[in-house]
Amino acid sequence: MKLTTILAGAAMAIGLSAMSAGAQDYPAKPVNYIIPFNAGGESDIAARMQQPVFEKQTGQSMVVQYLEGAGGAQAWSQLNGMEGDGYTIMGTNLPHIIMQPMAQDVGYKTEDLTNVYFFHYTPDAIIVPADSQFQTLEDLVTYAKENPGLVTFSGSGTNSANHVAQATFDRLVGVTTTYIPFSGTSPATTAVLGNQVMAGFSYTTAAINQADAVRVLAVAADERVPSFPDVPTFKELGYDMAGGAYRGVAVPNSASEEVRQQVSDMIGEINADPDFVQKMKDGGFVVIDVPYGEMEAFMGERRAEYEETAKQMGITQN
């Protein structure tokens, strides 16, 4: 055997060994986790729950950062300009990343985003201040019918899960209400507590965090949420409405297939931690597992659903 052949084989073996070691070593340094909303919202709460589990499992730090604005679009439009080495990941939300580009130019297209995992879902809910005149959903519906346009709802972002919920509510109930978008769940909830709006289209998680400061009138789920056993679903009250927000993680499109899979596996391992799952459930989150390998089919299903919703909202594809 020629010496050159032997050397070539040795070099290849060393290279494959290094690649394997590199894969096993991930993550070998801190991972920056960019949240596209304000601190205090569901995306932030989820990241803070993931953070200690990640650090326990990997021995590395997870650095949570915020790049809020435009209902998440400020961050998503910048994602692909970041390093695709697996050490910068970004939270993504549905229906936001499908609905926003449909409605207008937001600096990114849905297909620009490389989602590698969706890990939970939160049902929409209507919340009001604890001292609100609205004791039940029917109280609010009656007022809205008698006062078209006067009921104001805060929500996180435009063409977001909250916005879709408000538009769906108006259509099903036969009322006209006013939706006021905020940069995230936290400021939208603050608007409710400060009586800047009459009610909020929020999530079950936000209601849990506010404890006795708010009253939940209805939840957009198929069944009652364990955290709010006494709160009816919209369906129970005669409105065929169930929906909410999905949250996941994306990487820059320059990330290799190996990196995409590594990040997906990393989030999946966090999602498999029993204590983490219980904390998520206690916080009002519904844990789901959509890894990178199932992403194309999942996004296709969601896109078909949201395109129909967009038509109902009068949104034409941009």
C-alpha atoms as a PDB file:
ATOM      1  CA  MET A   1       0.000   0.000   0.000  1.00  0.00           C
ATOM      2  CA  LYS A   2       1.336   3.400  -0.912  1.00  0.00           C
ATOM      3  CA  LEU A   3       2.338   5.772   1.866  1.00  0.00           C
ATOM      4  CA  THR A   4       0.090   8.483   0.400  1.00  0.00           C
ATOM      5  CA  THR A   5      -2.906   6.160   0.650  1.00  0.00           C
ATOM      6  CA  ILE A   6      -2.093   5.364   4.273  1.00  0.00           C
ATOM      7  CA  LEU A   7      -1.688   9.037   5.121  1.00  0.00           C
ATOM      8  CA  ALA A   8      -4.907   9.955   3.342  1.00  0.00           C
ATOM      9  CA  GLY A   9      -6.787   7.277   5.249  1.00  0.00           C
ATOM     10  CA  ALA A  10      -5.313   8.445   8.540  1.00  0.00           C
ATOM     11  CA  ALA A  11      -6.212  12.050   7.797  1.00  0.00           C
ATOM     12  CA  MET A  12      -9.788  11.060   6.978  1.00  0.00           C
ATOM     13  CA  ALA A  13     -10.070   9.065  10.189  1.00  0.00           C
ATOM     14  CA  ILE A  14      -8.745  11.971  12.216  1.00  0.00           C
ATOM     15  CA  GLY A  15     -11.168  14.326  10.491  1.00  0.00           C
ATOM     16  CA  LEU A  16     -14.161  12.081  11.147  1.00  0.00           C
ATOM     17  CA  SER A  17     -13.046  11.646  14.745  1.00  0.00           C
ATOM     18  CA  ALA A  18     -12.810  15.410  15.188  1.00  0.00           C
ATOM     19  CA  MET A  19     -16.242  15.908  13.653  1.00  0.00           C
ATOM     20  CA  SER A  20     -17.692  13.273  15.969  1.00  0.00           C
ATOM     21  CA  ALA A  21     -16.015  14.852  18.978  1.00  0.00           C
ATOM     22  CA  GLY A  22     -17.296  18.254  17.912  1.00  0.00           C
ATOM     23  CA  ALA A  23     -20.844  16.927  17.745  1.00  0.00           C
ATOM     24  CA  GLN A  24     -20.493  15.285  21.154  1.00  0.00           C
ATOM     25  CA  ASP A  25     -19.002  18.413  22.681  1.00  0.00           C
ATOM     26  CA  TYR A  26     -21.918  20.677  21.724  1.00  0.00           C
ATOM     27  CA  PRO A  27     -22.479  22.964  23.461  1.00  0.00           C
ATOM     28  CA  ALA A  28     -18.880  23.738  24.363  1.00  0.00           C
ATOM     29  CA  LYS A  29     -19.558  27.326  25.443  1.00  0.00           C
ATOM     30  CA  PRO A  30     -22.495  29.541  26.532  1.00  0.00           C
ATOM     31  CA  VAL A  31     -25.521  29.726  24.233  1.00  0.00           C
ATOM     32  CA  ASN A  32     -27.208  33.074  23.595  1.00  0.00           C
ATOM     33  CA  TYR A  33     -30.989  32.732  23.625  1.00  0.00           C
ATOM     34  CA  ILE A  34     -32.673  35.766  22.057  1.00  0.00           C
ATOM     35  CA  ILE A  35     -36.270  36.467  23.048  1.00  0.00           C
ATOM     36  CA  PRO A  36     -38.116  38.685  20.519  1.00  0.00           C
ATOM     37  CA  PHE A  37     -40.397  40.202  23.165  1.00  0.00           C
ATOM     38  CA  ASN A  38     -40.177  42.107  26.434  1.00  0.00           C
ATOM     39  CA  ALA A  39     -39.068  40.484  29.649  1.00  0.00           C
ATOM     40  CA  GLY A  40     -41.945  39.054  31.655  1.00  0.00           C
ATOM     41  CA  GLY A  41     -43.976  37.559  28.801  1.00  0.00           C
ATOM     42  CA  GLU A  42     -44.555  33.879  28.026  1.00  0.00           C
ATOM     43  CA  SER A  43     -41.489  33.583  25.797  1.00  0.00           C
ATOM     44  CA  ASP A  44     -39.313  34.972  28.572  1.00  0.00           C
ATOM     45  CA  ILE A  45     -40.959  32.850  31.266  1.00  0.00           C
ATOM     46  CA  ALA A  46     -40.402  29.722  29.185  1.00  0.00           C
ATOM     47  CA  ALA A  47     -36.756  30.628  28.562  1.00  0.00           C
ATOM     48  CA  ARG A  48     -36.203  31.187  32.270  1.00  0.00           C
ATOM     49  CA  MET A  49     -37.660  27.748  32.957  1.00  0.00           C
ATOM     50  CA  GLN A  50     -35.458  26.185  30.272  1.00  0.00           C
ATOM     51  CA  GLN A  51     -32.327  27.966  31.482  1.00  0.00           C
ATOM     52  CA  PRO A  52     -31.534  25.946  34.652  1.00  0.00           C
ATOM     53  CA  VAL A  53     -32.383  22.639  32.955  1.00  0.00           C
ATOM     54  CA  PHE A  54     -30.050  23.462  30.073  1.00  0.00           C
ATOM     55  CA  GLU A  55     -27.270  24.367  32.490  1.00  0.00           C
ATOM     56  CA  LYS A  56     -27.829  21.191  34.522  1.00  0.00           C
ATOM     57  CA  GLN A  57     -27.766  18.995  31.428  1.00  0.00           C
ATOM     58  CA  THR A  58     -24.865  20.628  29.582  1.00  0.00           C
ATOM     59  CA  GLY A  59     -22.715  22.331  32.203  1.00  0.00           C
ATOM     60  CA  GLN A  60     -22.823  25.482  30.086  1.00  0.00           C
ATOM     61  CA  SER A  61     -24.599  28.810  30.576  1.00  0.00           C
ATOM     62  CA  MET A  62     -27.670  29.954  28.688  1.00  0.00           C
ATOM     63  CA  VAL A  63     -27.664  33.741  28.295  1.00  0.00           C
ATOM     64  CA  VAL A  64     -31.184  35.110  27.808  1.00  0.00           C
ATOM     65  CA  GLN A  65     -31.305  38.376  25.863  1.00  0.00           C
ATOM     66  CA  TYR A  66     -34.143  40.541  24.533  1.00  0.00           C
ATOM     67  CA  LEU A  67     -34.659  42.098  21.122  1.00  0.00           C
ATOM     68  CA  GLU A  68     -38.253  43.267  21.260  1.00  0.00           C
ATOM     69  CA  GLY A  69     -40.244  45.340  18.807  1.00  0.00           C
ATOM     70  CA  ALA A  70     -42.881  45.057  16.062  1.00  0.00           C
ATOM     71  CA  GLY A  71     -44.529  42.047  17.667  1.00  0.00           C
ATOM     72  CA  GLY A  72     -41.349  39.984  17.281  1.00  0.00           C
ATOM     73  CA  ALA A  73     -40.555  41.058  13.715  1.00  0.00           C
ATOM     74  CA  GLN A  74     -37.704  43.289  14.875  1.00  0.00           C
ATOM     75  CA  ALA A  75     -35.777  40.212  15.979  1.00  0.00           C
ATOM     76  CA  TRP A  76     -36.904  37.744  13.310  1.00  0.00           C
ATOM     77  CA  SER A  77     -35.848  40.111  10.540  1.00  0.00           C
ATOM     78  CA  GLN A  78     -32.312  40.117  11.969  1.00  0.00           C
ATOM     79  CA  LEU A  79     -31.896  36.417  12.732  1.00  0.00           C
ATOM     80  CA  ASN A  80     -30.200  35.414   9.484  1.00  0.00           C
ATOM     81  CA  GLY A  81     -27.516  38.052   9.942  1.00  0.00           C
ATOM     82  CA  MET A  82     -26.318  36.273  13.078  1.00  0.00           C
ATOM     83  CA  GLU A  83     -23.741  33.512  13.399  1.00  0.00           C
ATOM     84  CA  GLY A  84     -25.081  30.071  12.518  1.00  0.00           C
ATOM     85  CA  ASP A  85     -22.772  28.077  14.762  1.00  0.00           C
ATOM     86  CA  GLY A  86     -25.425  26.898  17.207  1.00  0.00           C
ATOM     87  CA  TYR A  87     -24.483  29.391  19.893  1.00  0.00           C
ATOM     88  CA  THR A  88     -27.162  31.921  18.946  1.00  0.00           C
ATOM     89  CA  ILE A  89     -30.754  30.696  19.006  1.00  0.00           C
ATOM     90  CA  MET A  90     -33.966  32.708  18.884  1.00  0.00           C
ATOM     91  CA  GLY A  91     -37.496  32.175  20.129  1.00  0.00           C
ATOM     92  CA  THR A  92     -40.221  31.993  17.474  1.00  0.00           C
ATOM     93  CA  ASN A  93     -43.995  32.184  17.762  1.00  0.00           C
ATOM     94  CA  LEU A  94     -46.980  30.971  15.797  1.00  0.00           C
ATOM     95  CA  PRO A  95     -49.140  32.329  14.286  1.00  0.00           C
ATOM     96  CA  HIS A  96     -46.937  35.455  14.296  1.00  0.00           C
ATOM     97  CA  ILE A  97     -44.241  34.215  11.903  1.00  0.00           C
ATOM     98  CA  ILE A  98     -46.862  33.144   9.360  1.00  0.00           C
ATOM     99  CA  MET A  99     -49.454  35.901   9.729  1.00  0.00           C
ATOM    100  CA  GLN A 100     -47.102  38.895   9.914  1.00  0.00           C
ATOM    101  CA  PRO A 101     -45.463  38.432   6.477  1.00  0.00           C
ATOM    102  CA  MET A 102     -48.893  37.775   4.954  1.00  0.00           C
ATOM    103  CA  ALA A 103     -50.155  41.171   6.030  1.00  0.00           C
ATOM    104  CA  GLN A 104     -47.224  43.406   5.162  1.00  0.00           C
ATOM    105  CA  ASP A 105     -43.491  43.698   4.631  1.00  0.00           C
ATOM    106  CA  VAL A 106     -42.004  43.002   8.058  1.00  0.00           C
ATOM    107  CA  GLY A 107     -38.416  42.419   6.968  1.00  0.00           C
ATOM    108  CA  TYR A 108     -38.642  38.630   6.770  1.00  0.00           C
ATOM    109  CA  LYS A 109     -40.651  35.866   5.122  1.00  0.00           C
ATOM    110  CA  THR A 110     -41.909  32.778   6.923  1.00  0.00           C
ATOM    111  CA  GLU A 111     -39.623  30.564   4.857  1.00  0.00           C
ATOM    112  CA  ASP A 112     -36.607  32.675   5.896  1.00  0.00           C
ATOM    113  CA  LEU A 113     -36.828  31.304   9.435  1.00  0.00           C
ATOM    114  CA  THR A 114     -35.214  27.968  10.254  1.00  0.00           C
ATOM    115  CA  ASN A 115     -37.345  26.579  13.059  1.00  0.00           C
ATOM    116  CA  VAL A 116     -35.780  23.552  14.721  1.00  0.00           C
ATOM    117  CA  TYR A 117     -38.194  22.829  17.600  1.00  0.00           C
ATOM    118  CA  PHE A 118     -41.611  23.835  18.918  1.00  0.00           C
ATOM    119  CA  PHE A 119     -41.896  23.006  22.599  1.00  0.00           C
ATOM    120  CA  HIS A 120     -45.175  24.358  23.965  1.00  0.00           C
ATOM    121  CA  TYR A 121     -48.559  25.891  23.346  1.00  0.00           C
ATOM    122  CA  THR A 122     -50.594  28.375  25.394  1.00  0.00           C
ATOM    123  CA  PRO A 123     -54.371  28.832  24.993  1.00  0.00           C
ATOM    124  CA  ASP A 124     -55.787  32.315  24.535  1.00  0.00           C
ATOM    125  CA  ALA A 125     -57.903  33.729  27.345  1.00  0.00           C
ATOM    126  CA  ILE A 126     -59.874  36.890  28.043  1.00  0.00           C
ATOM    127  CA  ILE A 127     -58.775  38.621  31.232  1.00  0.00           C
ATOM    128  CA  VAL A 128     -60.189  41.671  33.000  1.00  0.00           C
ATOM    129  CA  PRO A 129     -59.158  43.489  36.186  1.00  0.00           C
ATOM    130  CA  ALA A 130     -60.400  41.782  39.333  1.00  0.00           C
ATOM    131  CA  ASP A 131     -62.709  44.738  40.031  1.00  0.00           C
ATOM    132  CA  SER A 132     -64.093  44.882  36.474  1.00  0.00           C
ATOM    133  CA  GLN A 133     -67.803  45.332  35.861  1.00  0.00           C
ATOM    134  CA  PHE A 134     -67.624  42.180  33.737  1.00  0.00           C
ATOM    135  CA  GLN A 135     -68.192  39.207  36.006  1.00  0.00           C
ATOM    136  CA  THR A 136     -68.766  36.764  33.151  1.00  0.00           C
ATOM    137  CA  LEU A 137     -68.119  36.555  29.428  1.00  0.00           C
ATOM    138  CA  GLU A 138     -71.804  37.179  28.782  1.00  0.00           C
ATOM    139  CA  ASP A 139     -71.550  40.468  30.701  1.00  0.00           C
ATOM    140  CA  LEU A 140     -68.823  41.567  28.298  1.00  0.00           C
ATOM    141  CA  VAL A 141     -70.722  40.296  25.248  1.00  0.00           C
ATOM    142  CA  THR A 142     -73.871  42.166  26.271  1.00  0.00           C
ATOM    143  CA  TYR A 143     -71.929  45.402  26.761  1.00  0.00           C
ATOM    144  CA  ALA A 144     -70.114  44.960  23.442  1.00  0.00           C
ATOM    145  CA  LYS A 145     -73.390  44.468  21.580  1.00  0.00           C
ATOM    146  CA  GLU A 146     -74.883  47.572  23.153  1.00  0.00           C
ATOM    147  CA  ASN A 147     -71.723  49.651  22.631  1.00  0.00           C
ATOM    148  CA  PRO A 148     -70.088  48.778  19.280  1.00  0.00           C
ATOM    149  CA  GLY A 149     -66.370  49.544  19.206  1.00  0.00           C
ATOM    150  CA  LEU A 150     -66.156  50.665  22.831  1.00  0.00           C
ATOM    151  CA  VAL A 151     -64.781  47.448  24.301  1.00  0.00           C
ATOM    152  CA  THR A 152     -61.001  47.660  24.045  1.00  0.00           C
ATOM    153  CA  PHE A 153     -58.752  44.599  24.162  1.00  0.00           C
ATOM    154  CA  SER A 154     -55.006  44.735  24.710  1.00  0.00           C
ATOM    155  CA  GLY A 155     -52.891  42.010  23.140  1.00  0.00           C
ATOM    156  CA  SER A 156     -49.351  41.047  22.254  1.00  0.00           C
ATOM    157  CA  GLY A 157     -48.526  42.240  18.742  1.00  0.00           C
ATOM    158  CA  THR A 158     -50.397  42.677  15.477  1.00  0.00           C
ATOM    159  CA  ASN A 159     -51.399  39.595  13.473  1.00  0.00           C
ATOM    160  CA  SER A 160     -50.454  37.518  16.485  1.00  0.00           C
ATOM    161  CA  ALA A 161     -52.301  34.802  18.404  1.00  0.00           C
ATOM    162  CA  ASN A 162     -54.037  37.439  20.539  1.00  0.00           C
ATOM    163  CA  HIS A 163     -55.024  39.478  17.490  1.00  0.00           C
ATOM    164  CA  VAL A 164     -56.386  36.388  15.736  1.00  0.00           C
ATOM    165  CA  ALA A 165     -58.354  35.510  18.873  1.00  0.00           C
ATOM    166  CA  GLN A 166     -59.924  38.982  19.067  1.00  0.00           C
ATOM    167  CA  ALA A 167     -60.906  38.919  15.390  1.00  0.00           C
ATOM    168  CA  THR A 168     -62.337  35.415  15.743  1.00  0.00           C
ATOM    169  CA  PHE A 169     -64.258  36.448  18.862  1.00  0.00           C
ATOM    170  CA  ASP A 170     -65.820  39.424  17.092  1.00  0.00           C
ATOM    171  CA  ARG A 171     -66.866  37.252  14.159  1.00  0.00           C
ATOM    172  CA  LEU A 172     -68.341  34.421  16.222  1.00  0.00           C
ATOM    173  CA  VAL A 173     -70.128  36.630  18.728  1.00  0.00           C
ATOM    174  CA  GLY A 174     -71.295  39.220  16.216  1.00  0.00           C
ATOM    175  CA  VAL A 175     -69.754  42.253  17.891  1.00  0.00           C
ATOM    176  CA  THR A 176     -67.231  44.962  17.063  1.00  0.00           C
ATOM    177  CA  THR A 177     -64.435  45.482  19.577  1.00  0.00           C
ATOM    178  CA  THR A 178     -61.167  47.400  19.346  1.00  0.00           C
ATOM    179  CA  TYR A 179     -57.804  45.644  19.468  1.00  0.00           C
ATOM    180  CA  ILE A 180     -54.825  47.603  20.812  1.00  0.00           C
ATOM    181  CA  PRO A 181     -51.463  45.892  20.179  1.00  0.00           C
ATOM    182  CA  PHE A 182     -48.553  46.040  22.604  1.00  0.00           C
ATOM    183  CA  SER A 183     -44.965  44.868  22.178  1.00  0.00           C
ATOM    184  CA  GLY A 184     -45.490  41.796  24.333  1.00  0.00           C
ATOM    185  CA  THR A 185     -47.698  40.049  26.873  1.00  0.00           C
ATOM    186  CA  SER A 186     -46.171  41.867  29.825  1.00  0.00           C
ATOM    187  CA  PRO A 187     -47.053  45.434  28.700  1.00  0.00           C
ATOM    188  CA  ALA A 188     -50.413  44.195  27.380  1.00  0.00           C
ATOM    189  CA  THR A 189     -51.218  42.794  30.819  1.00  0.00           C
ATOM    190  CA  THR A 190     -50.020  45.988  32.493  1.00  0.00           C
ATOM    191  CA  ALA A 191     -52.513  47.875  30.321  1.00  0.00           C
ATOM    192  CA  VAL A 192     -55.314  45.698  31.703  1.00  0.00           C
ATOM    193  CA  LEU A 193     -54.196  46.181  35.299  1.00  0.00           C
ATOM    194  CA  GLY A 194     -53.887  49.936  34.775  1.00  0.00           C
ATOM    195  CA  ASN A 195     -57.364  50.209  33.216  1.00  0.00           C
ATOM    196  CA  GLN A 196     -55.890  51.522  29.969  1.00  0.00           C
ATOM    197  CA  VAL A 197     -58.121  48.960  28.248  1.00  0.00           C
ATOM    198  CA  MET A 198     -61.317  47.245  29.339  1.00  0.00           C
ATOM    199  CA  ALA A 199     -60.011  43.715  28.834  1.00  0.00           C
ATOM    200  CA  GLY A 200     -57.145  41.745  27.404  1.00  0.00           C
ATOM    201  CA  PHE A 201     -56.795  38.889  24.991  1.00  0.00           C
ATOM    202  CA  SER A 202     -53.963  37.135  26.745  1.00  0.00           C
ATOM    203  CA  TYR A 203     -52.935  33.622  27.718  1.00  0.00           C
ATOM    204  CA  THR A 204     -53.625  31.309  30.627  1.00  0.00           C
ATOM    205  CA  THR A 205     -50.008  31.757  31.707  1.00  0.00           C
ATOM    206  CA  ALA A 206     -50.394  35.511  32.159  1.00  0.00           C
ATOM    207  CA  ALA A 207     -53.506  34.978  34.244  1.00  0.00           C
ATOM    208  CA  ILE A 208     -51.642  32.594  36.544  1.00  0.00           C
ATOM    209  CA  ASN A 209     -48.828  35.089  37.027  1.00  0.00           C
ATOM    210  CA  GLN A 210     -51.272  37.826  38.025  1.00  0.00           C
ATOM    211  CA  ALA A 211     -53.108  35.613  40.533  1.00  0.00           C
ATOM    212  CA  ASP A 212     -55.928  37.590  42.178  1.00  0.00           C
ATOM    213  CA  ALA A 213     -55.285  40.804  40.234  1.00  0.00           C
ATOM    214  CA  VAL A 214     -57.253  39.618  37.200  1.00  0.00           C
ATOM    215  CA  ARG A 215     -60.381  37.626  36.451  1.00  0.00           C
ATOM    216  CA  VAL A 216     -60.399  35.096  33.612  1.00  0.00           C
ATOM    217  CA  LEU A 217     -63.706  35.111  31.726  1.00  0.00           C
ATOM    218  CA  ALA A 218     -63.093  32.291  29.241  1.00  0.00           C
ATOM    219  CA  VAL A 219     -60.321  30.112  27.836  1.00  0.00           C
ATOM    220  CA  ALA A 220     -59.892  29.191  24.160  1.00  0.00           C
ATOM    221  CA  ALA A 221     -59.219  25.497  24.705  1.00  0.00           C
ATOM    222  CA  ASP A 222     -61.074  22.297  23.892  1.00  0.00           C
ATOM    223  CA  GLU A 223     -61.317  21.438  27.580  1.00  0.00           C
ATOM    224  CA  ARG A 224     -61.027  23.371  30.820  1.00  0.00           C
ATOM    225  CA  VAL A 225     -57.460  24.159  31.810  1.00  0.00           C
ATOM    226  CA  PRO A 226     -56.362  22.432  35.058  1.00  0.00           C
ATOM    227  CA  SER A 227     -54.989  25.713  36.412  1.00  0.00           C
ATOM    228  CA  PHE A 228     -58.451  27.283  36.048  1.00  0.00           C
ATOM    229  CA  PRO A 229     -60.963  24.515  36.723  1.00  0.00           C
ATOM    230  CA  ASP A 230     -63.783  26.991  37.356  1.00  0.00           C
ATOM    231  CA  VAL A 231     -63.260  29.006  34.167  1.00  0.00           C
ATOM    232  CA  PRO A 232     -65.400  27.899  31.202  1.00  0.00           C
ATOM    233  CA  THR A 233     -64.109  27.402  27.701  1.00  0.00           C
ATOM    234  CA  PHE A 234     -65.545  29.470  24.860  1.00  0.00           C
ATOM    235  CA  LYS A 235     -66.993  26.251  23.468  1.00  0.00           C
ATOM    236  CA  GLU A 236     -68.927  25.618  26.678  1.00  0.00           C
ATOM    237  CA  LEU A 237     -70.460  29.058  26.294  1.00  0.00           C
ATOM    238  CA  GLY A 238     -71.545  28.388  22.731  1.00  0.00           C
ATOM    239  CA  TYR A 239     -68.640  29.882  20.774  1.00  0.00           C
ATOM    240  CA  ASP A 240     -66.624  27.420  18.688  1.00  0.00           C
ATOM    241  CA  MET A 241     -63.282  28.960  19.501  1.00  0.00           C
ATOM    242  CA  ALA A 242     -60.006  27.287  20.458  1.00  0.00           C
ATOM    243  CA  GLY A 243     -56.565  28.683  19.752  1.00  0.00           C
ATOM    244  CA  GLY A 244     -53.421  30.188  21.125  1.00  0.00           C
ATOM    245  CA  ALA A 245     -49.710  30.582  20.571  1.00  0.00           C
ATOM    246  CA  TYR A 246     -47.045  28.015  19.780  1.00  0.00           C
ATOM    247  CA  ARG A 247     -43.485  28.771  20.855  1.00  0.00           C
ATOM    248  CA  GLY A 248     -40.277  27.327  19.555  1.00  0.00           C
ATOM    249  CA  VAL A 249     -36.659  27.944  18.665  1.00  0.00           C
ATOM    250  CA  ALA A 250     -34.999  28.892  15.375  1.00  0.00           C
ATOM    251  CA  VAL A 251     -31.405  29.236  14.210  1.00  0.00           C
ATOM    252  CA  PRO A 252     -29.865  31.413  11.471  1.00  0.00           C
ATOM    253  CA  ASN A 253     -30.273  29.913   7.998  1.00  0.00           C
ATOM    254  CA  SER A 254     -26.490  29.626   7.686  1.00  0.00           C
ATOM    255  CA  ALA A 255     -26.535  26.865  10.331  1.00  0.00           C
ATOM    256  CA  SER A 256     -25.502  23.479   8.966  1.00  0.00           C
ATOM    257  CA  GLU A 257     -27.816  20.469   9.093  1.00  0.00           C
ATOM    258  CA  GLU A 258     -25.660  19.127  11.915  1.00  0.00           C
ATOM    259  CA  VAL A 259     -26.079  22.306  13.957  1.00  0.00           C
ATOM    260  CA  ARG A 260     -29.825  22.398  13.311  1.00  0.00           C
ATOM    261  CA  GLN A 261     -30.169  18.858  14.588  1.00  0.00           C
ATOM    262  CA  GLN A 262     -27.930  19.540  17.588  1.00  0.00           C
ATOM    263  CA  VAL A 263     -30.051  22.490  18.699  1.00  0.00           C
ATOM    264  CA  SER A 264     -33.226  20.486  18.121  1.00  0.00           C
ATOM    265  CA  ASP A 265     -31.870  17.625  20.230  1.00  0.00           C
ATOM    266  CA  MET A 266     -30.814  20.046  22.955  1.00  0.00           C
ATOM    267  CA  ILE A 267     -34.295  21.571  23.275  1.00  0.00           C
ATOM    268  CA  GLY A 268     -35.843  18.110  23.106  1.00  0.00           C
ATOM    269  CA  GLU A 269     -33.733  16.955  26.047  1.00  0.00           C
ATOM    270  CA  ILE A 270     -34.919  19.936  28.079  1.00  0.00           C
ATOM    271  CA  ASN A 271     -38.525  19.137  27.152  1.00  0.00           C
ATOM    272  CA  ALA A 272     -38.036  15.558  28.373  1.00  0.00           C
ATOM    273  CA  ASP A 273     -37.033  16.601  31.895  1.00  0.00           C
ATOM    274  CA  PRO A 274     -39.909  15.546  34.230  1.00  0.00           C
ATOM    275  CA  ASP A 275     -39.495  18.456  36.649  1.00  0.00           C
ATOM    276  CA  PHE A 276     -39.436  20.913  33.753  1.00  0.00           C
ATOM    277  CA  VAL A 277     -42.600  19.420  32.265  1.00  0.00           C
ATOM    278  CA  GLN A 278     -44.398  19.709  35.599  1.00  0.00           C
ATOM    279  CA  LYS A 279     -43.336  23.330  36.037  1.00  0.00           C
ATOM    280  CA  MET A 280     -44.572  24.112  32.545  1.00  0.00           C
ATOM    281  CA  LYS A 281     -47.944  22.538  33.277  1.00  0.00           C
ATOM    282  CA  ASP A 282     -48.201  24.372  36.593  1.00  0.00           C
ATOM    283  CA  GLY A 283     -47.468  27.595  34.715  1.00  0.00           C
ATOM    284  CA  GLY A 284     -50.346  27.071  32.294  1.00  0.00           C
ATOM    285  CA  PHE A 285     -48.286  25.822  29.348  1.00  0.00           C
ATOM    286  CA  VAL A 286     -49.195  22.779  27.249  1.00  0.00           C
ATOM    287  CA  VAL A 287     -45.980  20.888  26.452  1.00  0.00           C
ATOM    288  CA  ILE A 288     -45.597  19.644  22.862  1.00  0.00           C
ATOM    289  CA  ASP A 289     -42.700  18.119  20.940  1.00  0.00           C
ATOM    290  CA  VAL A 290     -42.095  19.094  17.321  1.00  0.00           C
ATOM    291  CA  PRO A 291     -38.421  18.386  16.499  1.00  0.00           C
ATOM    292  CA  TYR A 292     -36.520  19.474  13.412  1.00  0.00           C
ATOM    293  CA  GLY A 293     -37.313  16.291  11.513  1.00  0.00           C
ATOM    294  CA  GLU A 294     -41.063  16.943  11.789  1.00  0.00           C
ATOM    295  CA  MET A 295     -40.910  20.682  11.195  1.00  0.00           C
ATOM    296  CA  GLU A 296     -41.806  20.797   7.510  1.00  0.00           C
ATOM    297  CA  ALA A 297     -45.058  18.872   7.989  1.00  0.00           C
ATOM    298  CA  PHE A 298     -45.979  20.830  11.126  1.00  0.00           C
ATOM    299  CA  MET A 299     -45.399  24.204   9.495  1.00  0.00           C
ATOM    300  CA  GLY A 300     -47.384  23.117   6.453  1.00  0.00           C
ATOM    301  CA  GLU A 301     -50.382  22.292   8.632  1.00  0.00           C
ATOM    302  CA  ARG A 302     -50.133  25.556  10.539  1.00  0.00           C
ATOM    303  CA  ARG A 303     -49.750  27.609   7.367  1.00  0.00           C
ATOM    304  CA  ALA A 304     -52.909  26.100   5.855  1.00  0.00           C
ATOM    305  CA  GLU A 305     -54.875  26.906   9.011  1.00  0.00           C
ATOM    306  CA  TYR A 306     -53.576  30.461   9.346  1.00  0.00           C
ATOM    307  CA  GLU A 307     -54.101  31.259   5.676  1.00  0.00           C
ATOM    308  CA  GLU A 308     -57.794  30.533   6.198  1.00  0.00           C
ATOM    309  CA  THR A 309     -57.794  32.699   9.331  1.00  0.00           C
ATOM    310  CA  ALA A 310     -56.105  35.505   7.393  1.00  0.00           C
ATOM    311  CA  LYS A 311     -58.878  35.442   4.801  1.00  0.00           C
ATOM    312  CA  GLN A 312     -61.472  35.764   7.551  1.00  0.00           C
ATOM    313  CA  MET A 313     -59.559  38.756   8.950  1.00  0.00           C
ATOM    314  CA  GLY A 314     -59.407  40.381   5.519  1.00  0.00           C
ATOM    315  CA  ILE A 315     -55.648  39.941   5.236  1.00  0.00           C
ATOM    316  CA  THR A 316     -54.417  39.431   1.691  1.00  0.00           C
ATOM    317  CA  GLN A 317     -51.097  37.680   1.191  1.00  0.00           C
ATOM    318  CA  ASN A 318     -48.261  40.158   0.743  1.00  0.00           C
END
